[in-house]
Amino acid sequence: MLADPERMKRNIHEADTLDLMDRVTAFRQGLEPGAVALIEDELRQRGVSAEDLLAHAEQLHRNAIELSDGSAARCSICSRAAVARAWGWHRFWGVLPLFPRQYFYCAAHRPQSGEA
């Protein structure tokens, strides 16, 4: 049973295609079964084939960072699958560095060398 099916449908319809492809491949194990069906239907309506999803899953398997529980790491900035990690400072109110921590980045948010 979906918590709020209309809200879920709206969220899926408004989401970016790559985000939906990540959800149904890299983050599938954390989704409700009803959500998987809705996402797959939306992707079909957008012209994404089963072969496209398989290719996306294979690319993520090659490039995404896998956590110890077998799931893909999420970008620390957005919700895409992370492909890079770097150490940085956890900052209080975004200013005062408190302690070093590891951050994860998708391809779009990956820092250039020397930025992290």
PDB file of N, CA and C in Angstrom:
ATOM      1  N   MET A   1       0.846  -1.182   0.000  1.00  0.00           N
ATOM      2  CA  MET A   1       0.000   0.000   0.000  1.00  0.00           C
ATOM      3  C   MET A   1       0.891   1.244   0.000  1.00  0.00           C
ATOM      4  N   LEU A   2       0.671   2.127  -0.931  1.00  0.00           N
ATOM      5  CA  LEU A   2       1.450   3.355  -1.028  1.00  0.00           C
ATOM      6  C   LEU A   2       0.917   4.387  -0.052  1.00  0.00           C
ATOM      7  N   ALA A   3       1.818   5.116   0.595  1.00  0.00           N
ATOM      8  CA  ALA A   3       1.428   6.104   1.598  1.00  0.00           C
ATOM      9  C   ALA A   3       0.546   7.197   0.991  1.00  0.00           C
ATOM     10  N   ASP A   4       0.973   7.819  -0.056  1.00  0.00           N
ATOM     11  CA  ASP A   4       0.212   8.864  -0.737  1.00  0.00           C
ATOM     12  C   ASP A   4       0.440   8.699  -2.232  1.00  0.00           C
ATOM     13  N   PRO A   5      -0.379   7.883  -2.890  1.00  0.00           N
ATOM     14  CA  PRO A   5      -0.127   7.562  -4.295  1.00  0.00           C
ATOM     15  C   PRO A   5      -0.120   8.777  -5.220  1.00  0.00           C
ATOM     16  N   GLU A   6      -0.961   9.765  -4.970  1.00  0.00           N
ATOM     17  CA  GLU A   6      -0.997  10.947  -5.834  1.00  0.00           C
ATOM     18  C   GLU A   6       0.286  11.767  -5.704  1.00  0.00           C
ATOM     19  N   ARG A   7       0.760  11.909  -4.492  1.00  0.00           N
ATOM     20  CA  ARG A   7       2.006  12.650  -4.274  1.00  0.00           C
ATOM     21  C   ARG A   7       3.180  11.915  -4.927  1.00  0.00           C
ATOM     22  N   MET A   8       3.185  10.576  -4.792  1.00  0.00           N
ATOM     23  CA  MET A   8       4.247   9.776  -5.391  1.00  0.00           C
ATOM     24  C   MET A   8       4.207   9.893  -6.917  1.00  0.00           C
ATOM     25  N   LYS A   9       3.032   9.816  -7.505  1.00  0.00           N
ATOM     26  CA  LYS A   9       2.899   9.950  -8.959  1.00  0.00           C
ATOM     27  C   LYS A   9       3.384  11.316  -9.432  1.00  0.00           C
ATOM     28  N   ARG A  10       3.026  12.361  -8.700  1.00  0.00           N
ATOM     29  CA  ARG A  10       3.453  13.728  -9.050  1.00  0.00           C
ATOM     30  C   ARG A  10       4.978  13.846  -8.966  1.00  0.00           C
ATOM     31  N   ASN A  11       5.559  13.296  -7.905  1.00  0.00           N
ATOM     32  CA  ASN A  11       7.008  13.330  -7.728  1.00  0.00           C
ATOM     33  C   ASN A  11       7.707  12.615  -8.876  1.00  0.00           C
ATOM     34  N   ILE A  12       7.198  11.458  -9.249  1.00  0.00           N
ATOM     35  CA  ILE A  12       7.795  10.689 -10.337  1.00  0.00           C
ATOM     36  C   ILE A  12       7.648  11.428 -11.656  1.00  0.00           C
ATOM     37  N   HIS A  13       6.492  11.987 -11.916  1.00  0.00           N
ATOM     38  CA  HIS A  13       6.245  12.689 -13.170  1.00  0.00           C
ATOM     39  C   HIS A  13       7.140  13.923 -13.308  1.00  0.00           C
ATOM     40  N   GLU A  14       7.428  14.594 -12.208  1.00  0.00           N
ATOM     41  CA  GLU A  14       8.238  15.811 -12.239  1.00  0.00           C
ATOM     42  C   GLU A  14       9.742  15.534 -12.206  1.00  0.00           C
ATOM     43  N   ALA A  15      10.142  14.311 -11.905  1.00  0.00           N
ATOM     44  CA  ALA A  15      11.565  13.977 -11.763  1.00  0.00           C
ATOM     45  C   ALA A  15      12.259  13.906 -13.121  1.00  0.00           C
ATOM     46  N   ASP A  16      13.541  14.175 -13.093  1.00  0.00           N
ATOM     47  CA  ASP A  16      14.404  14.069 -14.254  1.00  0.00           C
ATOM     48  C   ASP A  16      14.527  12.591 -14.653  1.00  0.00           C
ATOM     49  N   THR A  17      14.668  12.319 -15.935  1.00  0.00           N
ATOM     50  CA  THR A  17      14.753  10.941 -16.424  1.00  0.00           C
ATOM     51  C   THR A  17      15.951  10.205 -15.826  1.00  0.00           C
ATOM     52  N   LEU A  18      17.118  10.855 -15.752  1.00  0.00           N
ATOM     53  CA  LEU A  18      18.289  10.197 -15.164  1.00  0.00           C
ATOM     54  C   LEU A  18      18.066   9.874 -13.690  1.00  0.00           C
ATOM     55  N   ASP A  19      17.382  10.759 -12.981  1.00  0.00           N
ATOM     56  CA  ASP A  19      17.065  10.510 -11.581  1.00  0.00           C
ATOM     57  C   ASP A  19      16.187   9.270 -11.468  1.00  0.00           C
ATOM     58  N   LEU A  20      15.186   9.166 -12.316  1.00  0.00           N
ATOM     59  CA  LEU A  20      14.313   7.992 -12.285  1.00  0.00           C
ATOM     60  C   LEU A  20      15.076   6.721 -12.638  1.00  0.00           C
ATOM     61  N   MET A  21      15.974   6.826 -13.605  1.00  0.00           N
ATOM     62  CA  MET A  21      16.773   5.659 -13.981  1.00  0.00           C
ATOM     63  C   MET A  21      17.670   5.227 -12.821  1.00  0.00           C
ATOM     64  N   ASP A  22      18.242   6.199 -12.093  1.00  0.00           N
ATOM     65  CA  ASP A  22      19.041   5.868 -10.906  1.00  0.00           C
ATOM     66  C   ASP A  22      18.174   5.190  -9.853  1.00  0.00           C
ATOM     67  N   ARG A  23      16.990   5.739  -9.616  1.00  0.00           N
ATOM     68  CA  ARG A  23      16.106   5.182  -8.591  1.00  0.00           C
ATOM     69  C   ARG A  23      15.774   3.724  -8.865  1.00  0.00           C
ATOM     70  N   VAL A  24      15.440   3.425 -10.117  1.00  0.00           N
ATOM     71  CA  VAL A  24      14.953   2.085 -10.440  1.00  0.00           C
ATOM     72  C   VAL A  24      16.098   1.084 -10.654  1.00  0.00           C
ATOM     73  N   THR A  25      17.341   1.572 -10.718  1.00  0.00           N
ATOM     74  CA  THR A  25      18.477   0.663 -10.860  1.00  0.00           C
ATOM     75  C   THR A  25      19.310   0.655  -9.572  1.00  0.00           C
ATOM     76  N   ALA A  26      20.025   1.732  -9.301  1.00  0.00           N
ATOM     77  CA  ALA A  26      20.946   1.775  -8.158  1.00  0.00           C
ATOM     78  C   ALA A  26      20.243   1.748  -6.806  1.00  0.00           C
ATOM     79  N   PHE A  27      19.055   2.341  -6.709  1.00  0.00           N
ATOM     80  CA  PHE A  27      18.382   2.461  -5.410  1.00  0.00           C
ATOM     81  C   PHE A  27      17.094   1.649  -5.338  1.00  0.00           C
ATOM     82  N   ARG A  28      16.943   0.678  -6.214  1.00  0.00           N
ATOM     83  CA  ARG A  28      15.726  -0.124  -6.309  1.00  0.00           C
ATOM     84  C   ARG A  28      15.385  -0.828  -4.997  1.00  0.00           C
ATOM     85  N   GLN A  29      16.389  -1.357  -4.302  1.00  0.00           N
ATOM     86  CA  GLN A  29      16.122  -2.125  -3.078  1.00  0.00           C
ATOM     87  C   GLN A  29      15.486  -1.289  -1.975  1.00  0.00           C
ATOM     88  N   GLY A  30      15.605   0.019  -2.031  1.00  0.00           N
ATOM     89  CA  GLY A  30      15.015   0.881  -1.013  1.00  0.00           C
ATOM     90  C   GLY A  30      13.638   1.415  -1.385  1.00  0.00           C
ATOM     91  N   LEU A  31      13.122   1.027  -2.543  1.00  0.00           N
ATOM     92  CA  LEU A  31      11.826   1.531  -3.007  1.00  0.00           C
ATOM     93  C   LEU A  31      10.697   0.561  -2.682  1.00  0.00           C
ATOM     94  N   GLU A  32       9.503   1.116  -2.530  1.00  0.00           N
ATOM     95  CA  GLU A  32       8.319   0.281  -2.382  1.00  0.00           C
ATOM     96  C   GLU A  32       8.034  -0.366  -3.734  1.00  0.00           C
ATOM     97  N   PRO A  33       7.507  -1.597  -3.738  1.00  0.00           N
ATOM     98  CA  PRO A  33       7.204  -2.255  -5.015  1.00  0.00           C
ATOM     99  C   PRO A  33       6.274  -1.428  -5.906  1.00  0.00           C
ATOM    100  N   GLY A  34       5.313  -0.760  -5.316  1.00  0.00           N
ATOM    101  CA  GLY A  34       4.416   0.086  -6.098  1.00  0.00           C
ATOM    102  C   GLY A  34       5.139   1.237  -6.755  1.00  0.00           C
ATOM    103  N   ALA A  35       6.147   1.773  -6.084  1.00  0.00           N
ATOM    104  CA  ALA A  35       6.920   2.878  -6.643  1.00  0.00           C
ATOM    105  C   ALA A  35       7.741   2.404  -7.839  1.00  0.00           C
ATOM    106  N   VAL A  36       8.295   1.212  -7.753  1.00  0.00           N
ATOM    107  CA  VAL A  36       9.078   0.667  -8.864  1.00  0.00           C
ATOM    108  C   VAL A  36       8.206   0.567 -10.112  1.00  0.00           C
ATOM    109  N   ALA A  37       6.998   0.049  -9.961  1.00  0.00           N
ATOM    110  CA  ALA A  37       6.085  -0.081 -11.102  1.00  0.00           C
ATOM    111  C   ALA A  37       5.738   1.287 -11.687  1.00  0.00           C
ATOM    112  N   LEU A  38       5.476   2.275 -10.831  1.00  0.00           N
ATOM    113  CA  LEU A  38       5.156   3.618 -11.311  1.00  0.00           C
ATOM    114  C   LEU A  38       6.333   4.242 -12.064  1.00  0.00           C
ATOM    115  N   ILE A  39       7.535   4.071 -11.534  1.00  0.00           N
ATOM    116  CA  ILE A  39       8.728   4.626 -12.183  1.00  0.00           C
ATOM    117  C   ILE A  39       8.963   3.949 -13.526  1.00  0.00           C
ATOM    118  N   GLU A  40       8.838   2.625 -13.559  1.00  0.00           N
ATOM    119  CA  GLU A  40       9.035   1.912 -14.821  1.00  0.00           C
ATOM    120  C   GLU A  40       8.004   2.341 -15.862  1.00  0.00           C
ATOM    121  N   ASP A  41       6.747   2.545 -15.444  1.00  0.00           N
ATOM    122  CA  ASP A  41       5.711   3.030 -16.367  1.00  0.00           C
ATOM    123  C   ASP A  41       6.058   4.419 -16.897  1.00  0.00           C
ATOM    124  N   GLU A  42       6.500   5.301 -16.002  1.00  0.00           N
ATOM    125  CA  GLU A  42       6.865   6.666 -16.416  1.00  0.00           C
ATOM    126  C   GLU A  42       8.031   6.637 -17.400  1.00  0.00           C
ATOM    127  N   LEU A  43       9.017   5.801 -17.127  1.00  0.00           N
ATOM    128  CA  LEU A  43      10.163   5.706 -18.032  1.00  0.00           C
ATOM    129  C   LEU A  43       9.743   5.164 -19.397  1.00  0.00           C
ATOM    130  N   ARG A  44       8.845   4.193 -19.414  1.00  0.00           N
ATOM    131  CA  ARG A  44       8.336   3.670 -20.693  1.00  0.00           C
ATOM    132  C   ARG A  44       7.637   4.769 -21.485  1.00  0.00           C
ATOM    133  N   GLN A  45       6.847   5.591 -20.775  1.00  0.00           N
ATOM    134  CA  GLN A  45       6.150   6.695 -21.436  1.00  0.00           C
ATOM    135  C   GLN A  45       7.133   7.721 -22.004  1.00  0.00           C
ATOM    136  N   ARG A  46       8.296   7.827 -21.383  1.00  0.00           N
ATOM    137  CA  ARG A  46       9.319   8.770 -21.853  1.00  0.00           C
ATOM    138  C   ARG A  46      10.198   8.164 -22.938  1.00  0.00           C
ATOM    139  N   GLY A  47       9.925   6.925 -23.306  1.00  0.00           N
ATOM    140  CA  GLY A  47      10.686   6.287 -24.378  1.00  0.00           C
ATOM    141  C   GLY A  47      11.938   5.571 -23.931  1.00  0.00           C
ATOM    142  N   VAL A  48      12.097   5.324 -22.636  1.00  0.00           N
ATOM    143  CA  VAL A  48      13.255   4.602 -22.126  1.00  0.00           C
ATOM    144  C   VAL A  48      12.942   3.106 -22.213  1.00  0.00           C
ATOM    145  N   SER A  49      13.773   2.377 -22.928  1.00  0.00           N
ATOM    146  CA  SER A  49      13.541   0.948 -23.126  1.00  0.00           C
ATOM    147  C   SER A  49      14.191   0.124 -22.016  1.00  0.00           C
ATOM    148  N   ALA A  50      13.861  -1.143 -21.984  1.00  0.00           N
ATOM    149  CA  ALA A  50      14.477  -2.066 -21.025  1.00  0.00           C
ATOM    150  C   ALA A  50      15.982  -2.152 -21.277  1.00  0.00           C
ATOM    151  N   GLU A  51      16.378  -2.075 -22.548  1.00  0.00           N
ATOM    152  CA  GLU A  51      17.803  -2.118 -22.889  1.00  0.00           C
ATOM    153  C   GLU A  51      18.520  -0.868 -22.367  1.00  0.00           C
ATOM    154  N   ASP A  52      17.847   0.285 -22.442  1.00  0.00           N
ATOM    155  CA  ASP A  52      18.421   1.526 -21.899  1.00  0.00           C
ATOM    156  C   ASP A  52      18.647   1.395 -20.394  1.00  0.00           C
ATOM    157  N   LEU A  53      17.670   0.822 -19.696  1.00  0.00           N
ATOM    158  CA  LEU A  53      17.799   0.628 -18.246  1.00  0.00           C
ATOM    159  C   LEU A  53      18.927  -0.345 -17.923  1.00  0.00           C
ATOM    160  N   LEU A  54      19.035  -1.408 -18.690  1.00  0.00           N
ATOM    161  CA  LEU A  54      20.101  -2.379 -18.470  1.00  0.00           C
ATOM    162  C   LEU A  54      21.468  -1.728 -18.680  1.00  0.00           C
ATOM    163  N   ALA A  55      21.603  -0.936 -19.735  1.00  0.00           N
ATOM    164  CA  ALA A  55      22.871  -0.235 -19.997  1.00  0.00           C
ATOM    165  C   ALA A  55      23.190   0.742 -18.869  1.00  0.00           C
ATOM    166  N   HIS A  56      22.165   1.450 -18.374  1.00  0.00           N
ATOM    167  CA  HIS A  56      22.363   2.389 -17.267  1.00  0.00           C
ATOM    168  C   HIS A  56      22.811   1.644 -16.010  1.00  0.00           C
ATOM    169  N   ALA A  57      22.173   0.520 -15.732  1.00  0.00           N
ATOM    170  CA  ALA A  57      22.533  -0.287 -14.557  1.00  0.00           C
ATOM    171  C   ALA A  57      23.970  -0.791 -14.664  1.00  0.00           C
ATOM    172  N   GLU A  58      24.378  -1.231 -15.851  1.00  0.00           N
ATOM    173  CA  GLU A  58      25.756  -1.703 -16.040  1.00  0.00           C
ATOM    174  C   GLU A  58      26.764  -0.576 -15.851  1.00  0.00           C
ATOM    175  N   GLN A  59      26.434   0.614 -16.369  1.00  0.00           N
ATOM    176  CA  GLN A  59      27.327   1.762 -16.196  1.00  0.00           C
ATOM    177  C   GLN A  59      27.450   2.117 -14.712  1.00  0.00           C
ATOM    178  N   LEU A  60      26.324   2.127 -13.989  1.00  0.00           N
ATOM    179  CA  LEU A  60      26.379   2.414 -12.558  1.00  0.00           C
ATOM    180  C   LEU A  60      27.184   1.365 -11.821  1.00  0.00           C
ATOM    181  N   HIS A  61      27.019   0.107 -12.206  1.00  0.00           N
ATOM    182  CA  HIS A  61      27.763  -0.973 -11.555  1.00  0.00           C
ATOM    183  C   HIS A  61      29.272  -0.774 -11.725  1.00  0.00           C
ATOM    184  N   ARG A  62      29.674  -0.282 -12.902  1.00  0.00           N
ATOM    185  CA  ARG A  62      31.098  -0.036 -13.157  1.00  0.00           C
ATOM    186  C   ARG A  62      31.617   1.193 -12.429  1.00  0.00           C
ATOM    187  N   ASN A  63      30.797   2.257 -12.346  1.00  0.00           N
ATOM    188  CA  ASN A  63      31.298   3.553 -11.896  1.00  0.00           C
ATOM    189  C   ASN A  63      30.850   3.983 -10.502  1.00  0.00           C
ATOM    190  N   ALA A  64      29.697   3.545 -10.055  1.00  0.00           N
ATOM    191  CA  ALA A  64      29.159   4.031  -8.780  1.00  0.00           C
ATOM    192  C   ALA A  64      29.933   3.446  -7.604  1.00  0.00           C
ATOM    193  N   ILE A  65      29.962   4.198  -6.535  1.00  0.00           N
ATOM    194  CA  ILE A  65      30.612   3.747  -5.305  1.00  0.00           C
ATOM    195  C   ILE A  65      29.626   2.885  -4.537  1.00  0.00           C
ATOM    196  N   GLU A  66      30.064   1.680  -4.203  1.00  0.00           N
ATOM    197  CA  GLU A  66      29.218   0.750  -3.482  1.00  0.00           C
ATOM    198  C   GLU A  66      29.556   0.815  -1.987  1.00  0.00           C
ATOM    199  N   LEU A  67      28.518   0.927  -1.175  1.00  0.00           N
ATOM    200  CA  LEU A  67      28.698   0.949   0.273  1.00  0.00           C
ATOM    201  C   LEU A  67      28.822  -0.474   0.806  1.00  0.00           C
ATOM    202  N   SER A  68      29.167  -0.612   2.072  1.00  0.00           N
ATOM    203  CA  SER A  68      29.383  -1.940   2.652  1.00  0.00           C
ATOM    204  C   SER A  68      28.133  -2.812   2.639  1.00  0.00           C
ATOM    205  N   ASP A  69      26.943  -2.209   2.623  1.00  0.00           N
ATOM    206  CA  ASP A  69      25.707  -2.998   2.594  1.00  0.00           C
ATOM    207  C   ASP A  69      25.296  -3.376   1.170  1.00  0.00           C
ATOM    208  N   GLY A  70      26.108  -3.010   0.171  1.00  0.00           N
ATOM    209  CA  GLY A  70      25.824  -3.363  -1.210  1.00  0.00           C
ATOM    210  C   GLY A  70      25.046  -2.314  -1.975  1.00  0.00           C
ATOM    211  N   SER A  71      24.560  -1.289  -1.287  1.00  0.00           N
ATOM    212  CA  SER A  71      23.811  -0.233  -1.970  1.00  0.00           C
ATOM    213  C   SER A  71      24.781   0.795  -2.551  1.00  0.00           C
ATOM    214  N   ALA A  72      24.281   1.572  -3.489  1.00  0.00           N
ATOM    215  CA  ALA A  72      25.094   2.636  -4.086  1.00  0.00           C
ATOM    216  C   ALA A  72      25.084   3.850  -3.164  1.00  0.00           C
ATOM    217  N   ALA A  73      26.223   4.519  -3.077  1.00  0.00           N
ATOM    218  CA  ALA A  73      26.301   5.757  -2.297  1.00  0.00           C
ATOM    219  C   ALA A  73      25.580   6.857  -3.055  1.00  0.00           C
ATOM    220  N   ARG A  74      24.938   7.759  -2.329  1.00  0.00           N
ATOM    221  CA  ARG A  74      24.259   8.916  -2.929  1.00  0.00           C
ATOM    222  C   ARG A  74      25.175  10.126  -2.851  1.00  0.00           C
ATOM    223  N   CYS A  75      25.071  10.972  -3.851  1.00  0.00           N
ATOM    224  CA  CYS A  75      25.816  12.227  -3.879  1.00  0.00           C
ATOM    225  C   CYS A  75      25.451  13.042  -2.639  1.00  0.00           C
ATOM    226  N   SER A  76      26.424  13.695  -2.033  1.00  0.00           N
ATOM    227  CA  SER A  76      26.184  14.521  -0.853  1.00  0.00           C
ATOM    228  C   SER A  76      25.440  15.813  -1.194  1.00  0.00           C
ATOM    229  N   ILE A  77      25.350  16.151  -2.480  1.00  0.00           N
ATOM    230  CA  ILE A  77      24.708  17.392  -2.900  1.00  0.00           C
ATOM    231  C   ILE A  77      23.318  17.142  -3.480  1.00  0.00           C
ATOM    232  N   CYS A  78      23.187  16.091  -4.276  1.00  0.00           N
ATOM    233  CA  CYS A  78      21.893  15.756  -4.885  1.00  0.00           C
ATOM    234  C   CYS A  78      21.577  14.289  -4.589  1.00  0.00           C
ATOM    235  N   SER A  79      20.632  13.719  -5.288  1.00  0.00           N
ATOM    236  CA  SER A  79      20.245  12.338  -4.981  1.00  0.00           C
ATOM    237  C   SER A  79      20.764  11.317  -5.989  1.00  0.00           C
ATOM    238  N   ARG A  80      21.636  11.722  -6.904  1.00  0.00           N
ATOM    239  CA  ARG A  80      22.183  10.800  -7.911  1.00  0.00           C
ATOM    240  C   ARG A  80      23.169   9.838  -7.268  1.00  0.00           C
ATOM    241  N   ALA A  81      23.500   8.779  -7.989  1.00  0.00           N
ATOM    242  CA  ALA A  81      24.485   7.812  -7.519  1.00  0.00           C
ATOM    243  C   ALA A  81      25.872   8.457  -7.544  1.00  0.00           C
ATOM    244  N   ALA A  82      26.628   8.229  -6.494  1.00  0.00           N
ATOM    245  CA  ALA A  82      27.957   8.836  -6.372  1.00  0.00           C
ATOM    246  C   ALA A  82      28.987   8.041  -7.161  1.00  0.00           C
ATOM    247  N   VAL A  83      29.896   8.764  -7.826  1.00  0.00           N
ATOM    248  CA  VAL A  83      30.970   8.136  -8.593  1.00  0.00           C
ATOM    249  C   VAL A  83      32.351   8.550  -8.079  1.00  0.00           C
ATOM    250  N   ALA A  84      32.386   9.452  -7.099  1.00  0.00           N
ATOM    251  CA  ALA A  84      33.658   9.909  -6.532  1.00  0.00           C
ATOM    252  C   ALA A  84      33.457  10.227  -5.056  1.00  0.00           C
ATOM    253  N   ARG A  85      34.548  10.131  -4.314  1.00  0.00           N
ATOM    254  CA  ARG A  85      34.499  10.512  -2.902  1.00  0.00           C
ATOM    255  C   ARG A  85      35.732  11.341  -2.573  1.00  0.00           C
ATOM    256  N   ALA A  86      35.568  12.218  -1.607  1.00  0.00           N
ATOM    257  CA  ALA A  86      36.682  13.078  -1.204  1.00  0.00           C
ATOM    258  C   ALA A  86      36.480  13.483   0.256  1.00  0.00           C
ATOM    259  N   TRP A  87      37.581  13.766   0.909  1.00  0.00           N
ATOM    260  CA  TRP A  87      37.508  14.247   2.291  1.00  0.00           C
ATOM    261  C   TRP A  87      37.297  15.746   2.281  1.00  0.00           C
ATOM    262  N   GLY A  88      36.499  16.206   3.220  1.00  0.00           N
ATOM    263  CA  GLY A  88      36.261  17.636   3.375  1.00  0.00           C
ATOM    264  C   GLY A  88      35.906  17.915   4.823  1.00  0.00           C
ATOM    265  N   TRP A  89      35.657  19.147   5.136  1.00  0.00           N
ATOM    266  CA  TRP A  89      35.321  19.534   6.506  1.00  0.00           C
ATOM    267  C   TRP A  89      33.812  19.649   6.685  1.00  0.00           C
ATOM    268  N   HIS A  90      33.306  19.027   7.743  1.00  0.00           N
ATOM    269  CA  HIS A  90      31.925  19.269   8.145  1.00  0.00           C
ATOM    270  C   HIS A  90      31.949  20.618   8.850  1.00  0.00           C
ATOM    271  N   ARG A  91      31.141  21.535   8.381  1.00  0.00           N
ATOM    272  CA  ARG A  91      31.194  22.907   8.900  1.00  0.00           C
ATOM    273  C   ARG A  91      29.931  23.270   9.665  1.00  0.00           C
ATOM    274  N   PHE A  92      30.120  23.934  10.782  1.00  0.00           N
ATOM    275  CA  PHE A  92      29.028  24.444  11.604  1.00  0.00           C
ATOM    276  C   PHE A  92      28.498  25.696  10.933  1.00  0.00           C
ATOM    277  N   TRP A  93      27.192  25.695  10.614  1.00  0.00           N
ATOM    278  CA  TRP A  93      26.532  26.796   9.909  1.00  0.00           C
ATOM    279  C   TRP A  93      27.218  27.104   8.583  1.00  0.00           C
ATOM    280  N   GLY A  94      27.885  26.114   8.015  1.00  0.00           N
ATOM    281  CA  GLY A  94      28.544  26.289   6.732  1.00  0.00           C
ATOM    282  C   GLY A  94      29.815  27.108   6.792  1.00  0.00           C
ATOM    283  N   VAL A  95      30.295  27.452   8.010  1.00  0.00           N
ATOM    284  CA  VAL A  95      31.455  28.336   8.137  1.00  0.00           C
ATOM    285  C   VAL A  95      32.573  27.700   8.954  1.00  0.00           C
ATOM    286  N   LEU A  96      32.302  27.370  10.193  1.00  0.00           N
ATOM    287  CA  LEU A  96      33.321  26.897  11.131  1.00  0.00           C
ATOM    288  C   LEU A  96      33.597  25.410  10.938  1.00  0.00           C
ATOM    289  N   PRO A  97      34.814  25.041  10.506  1.00  0.00           N
ATOM    290  CA  PRO A  97      35.120  23.621  10.317  1.00  0.00           C
ATOM    291  C   PRO A  97      35.177  22.895  11.668  1.00  0.00           C
ATOM    292  N   LEU A  98      34.420  21.804  11.767  1.00  0.00           N
ATOM    293  CA  LEU A  98      34.366  21.049  13.016  1.00  0.00           C
ATOM    294  C   LEU A  98      35.193  19.773  12.965  1.00  0.00           C
ATOM    295  N   PHE A  99      35.006  18.968  11.937  1.00  0.00           N
ATOM    296  CA  PHE A  99      35.731  17.702  11.833  1.00  0.00           C
ATOM    297  C   PHE A  99      35.764  17.266  10.369  1.00  0.00           C
ATOM    298  N   PRO A 100      36.793  16.499  10.019  1.00  0.00           N
ATOM    299  CA  PRO A 100      36.857  16.010   8.637  1.00  0.00           C
ATOM    300  C   PRO A 100      35.858  14.871   8.440  1.00  0.00           C
ATOM    301  N   ARG A 101      35.290  14.802   7.238  1.00  0.00           N
ATOM    302  CA  ARG A 101      34.379  13.713   6.905  1.00  0.00           C
ATOM    303  C   ARG A 101      34.452  13.435   5.420  1.00  0.00           C
ATOM    304  N   GLN A 102      33.954  12.282   5.049  1.00  0.00           N
ATOM    305  CA  GLN A 102      33.965  11.894   3.648  1.00  0.00           C
ATOM    306  C   GLN A 102      32.679  12.355   2.967  1.00  0.00           C
ATOM    307  N   TYR A 103      32.824  12.930   1.782  1.00  0.00           N
ATOM    308  CA  TYR A 103      31.697  13.361   0.967  1.00  0.00           C
ATOM    309  C   TYR A 103      31.674  12.518  -0.300  1.00  0.00           C
ATOM    310  N   PHE A 104      30.470  12.297  -0.820  1.00  0.00           N
ATOM    311  CA  PHE A 104      30.291  11.553  -2.064  1.00  0.00           C
ATOM    312  C   PHE A 104      29.762  12.506  -3.130  1.00  0.00           C
ATOM    313  N   TYR A 105      30.183  12.278  -4.386  1.00  0.00           N
ATOM    314  CA  TYR A 105      29.802  13.169  -5.474  1.00  0.00           C
ATOM    315  C   TYR A 105      29.376  12.384  -6.712  1.00  0.00           C
ATOM    316  N   CYS A 106      28.313  12.848  -7.353  1.00  0.00           N
ATOM    317  CA  CYS A 106      27.913  12.306  -8.655  1.00  0.00           C
ATOM    318  C   CYS A 106      28.822  12.931  -9.711  1.00  0.00           C
ATOM    319  N   ALA A 107      28.664  12.507 -10.960  1.00  0.00           N
ATOM    320  CA  ALA A 107      29.513  13.035 -12.034  1.00  0.00           C
ATOM    321  C   ALA A 107      29.346  14.550 -12.194  1.00  0.00           C
ATOM    322  N   ALA A 108      28.136  15.056 -11.986  1.00  0.00           N
ATOM    323  CA  ALA A 108      27.888  16.488 -12.158  1.00  0.00           C
ATOM    324  C   ALA A 108      28.500  17.330 -11.046  1.00  0.00           C
ATOM    325  N   HIS A 109      28.603  16.790  -9.830  1.00  0.00           N
ATOM    326  CA  HIS A 109      29.098  17.566  -8.695  1.00  0.00           C
ATOM    327  C   HIS A 109      30.512  17.185  -8.267  1.00  0.00           C
ATOM    328  N   ARG A 110      31.145  16.305  -9.012  1.00  0.00           N
ATOM    329  CA  ARG A 110      32.504  15.887  -8.676  1.00  0.00           C
ATOM    330  C   ARG A 110      33.443  17.087  -8.688  1.00  0.00           C
ATOM    331  N   PRO A 111      34.156  17.306  -7.591  1.00  0.00           N
ATOM    332  CA  PRO A 111      35.077  18.456  -7.573  1.00  0.00           C
ATOM    333  C   PRO A 111      36.245  18.236  -8.535  1.00  0.00           C
ATOM    334  N   GLN A 112      36.703  19.314  -9.112  1.00  0.00           N
ATOM    335  CA  GLN A 112      37.896  19.238  -9.942  1.00  0.00           C
ATOM    336  C   GLN A 112      39.079  19.002  -9.022  1.00  0.00           C
ATOM    337  N   SER A 113      40.187  18.520  -9.533  1.00  0.00           N
ATOM    338  CA  SER A 113      41.344  18.231  -8.680  1.00  0.00           C
ATOM    339  C   SER A 113      41.756  19.491  -7.921  1.00  0.00           C
ATOM    340  N   GLY A 114      41.944  19.334  -6.613  1.00  0.00           N
ATOM    341  CA  GLY A 114      42.348  20.444  -5.765  1.00  0.00           C
ATOM    342  C   GLY A 114      41.188  21.218  -5.147  1.00  0.00           C
ATOM    343  N   GLU A 115      39.938  20.941  -5.558  1.00  0.00           N
ATOM    344  CA  GLU A 115      38.776  21.664  -5.015  1.00  0.00           C
ATOM    345  C   GLU A 115      38.319  21.097  -3.687  1.00  0.00           C
ATOM    346  N   ALA A 116      38.401  19.804  -3.508  1.00  0.00           N
ATOM    347  CA  ALA A 116      37.848  19.172  -2.313  1.00  0.00           C
ATOM    348  C   ALA A 116      38.701  19.486  -1.145  1.00  0.00           C
TER     349      ALA A 116
END
